[in-house]
């Protein structure tokens, strides 16, 4: 089974960054970039407001040696 060339993996709600990196390693990928993306909610008037920041890693498959 071939792996996707790129994946975007987010740090889960109750997960540390270290645990997420271990999960990425176990999947056979390595992180290439880290991003913090804002998540927005809508108030009563339909206006967006920031809820929290989510950490997302861009990952590629590990090179086989």
C-alpha atoms as a PDB file:
ATOM      1  CA  UNK A   1       0.000   0.000   0.000  1.00  0.00           C
ATOM      2  CA  UNK A   2       1.471   3.349  -0.962  1.00  0.00           C
ATOM      3  CA  UNK A   3       1.352   6.317   1.344  1.00  0.00           C
ATOM      4  CA  UNK A   4       0.041   9.729   0.441  1.00  0.00           C
ATOM      5  CA  UNK A   5       2.811  12.148  -0.475  1.00  0.00           C
ATOM      6  CA  UNK A   6       1.721  14.793   2.032  1.00  0.00           C
ATOM      7  CA  UNK A   7      -0.472  14.803   5.128  1.00  0.00           C
ATOM      8  CA  UNK A   8      -1.689  17.524   7.456  1.00  0.00           C
ATOM      9  CA  UNK A   9      -1.968  16.218  11.001  1.00  0.00           C
ATOM     10  CA  UNK A  10      -3.475  18.315  13.806  1.00  0.00           C
ATOM     11  CA  UNK A  11      -2.645  18.076  17.494  1.00  0.00           C
ATOM     12  CA  UNK A  12      -5.752  16.647  19.179  1.00  0.00           C
ATOM     13  CA  UNK A  13      -7.633  18.383  22.015  1.00  0.00           C
ATOM     14  CA  UNK A  14      -6.036  16.586  25.007  1.00  0.00           C
ATOM     15  CA  UNK A  15      -2.757  15.649  23.278  1.00  0.00           C
ATOM     16  CA  UNK A  16       0.682  17.187  23.778  1.00  0.00           C
ATOM     17  CA  UNK A  17       2.884  18.165  20.850  1.00  0.00           C
ATOM     18  CA  UNK A  18       5.305  15.408  21.841  1.00  0.00           C
ATOM     19  CA  UNK A  19       2.527  12.798  21.750  1.00  0.00           C
ATOM     20  CA  UNK A  20       1.450  14.054  18.326  1.00  0.00           C
ATOM     21  CA  UNK A  21       5.021  13.804  17.010  1.00  0.00           C
ATOM     22  CA  UNK A  22       5.219  10.224  18.350  1.00  0.00           C
ATOM     23  CA  UNK A  23       1.946   9.437  16.539  1.00  0.00           C
ATOM     24  CA  UNK A  24       3.325  10.907  13.303  1.00  0.00           C
ATOM     25  CA  UNK A  25       6.489   8.806  13.702  1.00  0.00           C
ATOM     26  CA  UNK A  26       4.419   5.640  14.259  1.00  0.00           C
ATOM     27  CA  UNK A  27       2.468   6.348  11.052  1.00  0.00           C
ATOM     28  CA  UNK A  28       5.737   6.384   9.088  1.00  0.00           C
ATOM     29  CA  UNK A  29       5.818  10.123   8.403  1.00  0.00           C
ATOM     30  CA  UNK A  30       8.060  13.004   9.428  1.00  0.00           C
ATOM     31  CA  UNK A  31       6.981  16.605  10.017  1.00  0.00           C
ATOM     32  CA  UNK A  32       8.260  19.269   7.624  1.00  0.00           C
ATOM     33  CA  UNK A  33       6.399  22.340   8.907  1.00  0.00           C
ATOM     34  CA  UNK A  34       4.396  23.451  11.931  1.00  0.00           C
ATOM     35  CA  UNK A  35       1.526  25.905  11.630  1.00  0.00           C
ATOM     36  CA  UNK A  36      -0.837  27.519  14.100  1.00  0.00           C
ATOM     37  CA  UNK A  37      -4.240  28.061  12.561  1.00  0.00           C
ATOM     38  CA  UNK A  38      -7.038  30.039  14.221  1.00  0.00           C
ATOM     39  CA  UNK A  39     -10.432  28.411  14.680  1.00  0.00           C
ATOM     40  CA  UNK A  40     -13.408  30.750  14.566  1.00  0.00           C
ATOM     41  CA  UNK A  41     -16.938  30.582  15.930  1.00  0.00           C
ATOM     42  CA  UNK A  42     -19.942  32.741  15.072  1.00  0.00           C
ATOM     43  CA  UNK A  43     -21.667  35.038  17.568  1.00  0.00           C
ATOM     44  CA  UNK A  44     -25.402  35.809  17.649  1.00  0.00           C
ATOM     45  CA  UNK A  45     -25.031  38.414  14.866  1.00  0.00           C
ATOM     46  CA  UNK A  46     -23.184  35.984  12.594  1.00  0.00           C
ATOM     47  CA  UNK A  47     -19.846  37.728  13.154  1.00  0.00           C
ATOM     48  CA  UNK A  48     -16.778  35.469  13.445  1.00  0.00           C
ATOM     49  CA  UNK A  49     -14.703  35.526  16.629  1.00  0.00           C
ATOM     50  CA  UNK A  50     -11.529  33.566  17.469  1.00  0.00           C
ATOM     51  CA  UNK A  51     -12.139  30.461  19.591  1.00  0.00           C
ATOM     52  CA  UNK A  52      -8.654  28.942  19.826  1.00  0.00           C
ATOM     53  CA  UNK A  53      -5.435  28.191  17.951  1.00  0.00           C
ATOM     54  CA  UNK A  54      -4.881  24.726  16.484  1.00  0.00           C
ATOM     55  CA  UNK A  55      -1.386  23.358  15.802  1.00  0.00           C
ATOM     56  CA  UNK A  56      -1.084  21.500  12.493  1.00  0.00           C
ATOM     57  CA  UNK A  57       1.962  19.653  11.137  1.00  0.00           C
ATOM     58  CA  UNK A  58       2.631  19.221   7.404  1.00  0.00           C
ATOM     59  CA  UNK A  59       4.145  15.745   7.005  1.00  0.00           C
ATOM     60  CA  UNK A  60       5.813  13.654   4.304  1.00  0.00           C
ATOM     61  CA  UNK A  61       6.620   9.921   4.289  1.00  0.00           C
ATOM     62  CA  UNK A  62       9.937   8.917   5.791  1.00  0.00           C
ATOM     63  CA  UNK A  63      12.639   8.071   3.300  1.00  0.00           C
ATOM     64  CA  UNK A  64      13.474   4.376   3.242  1.00  0.00           C
ATOM     65  CA  UNK A  65      17.126   3.606   3.683  1.00  0.00           C
END
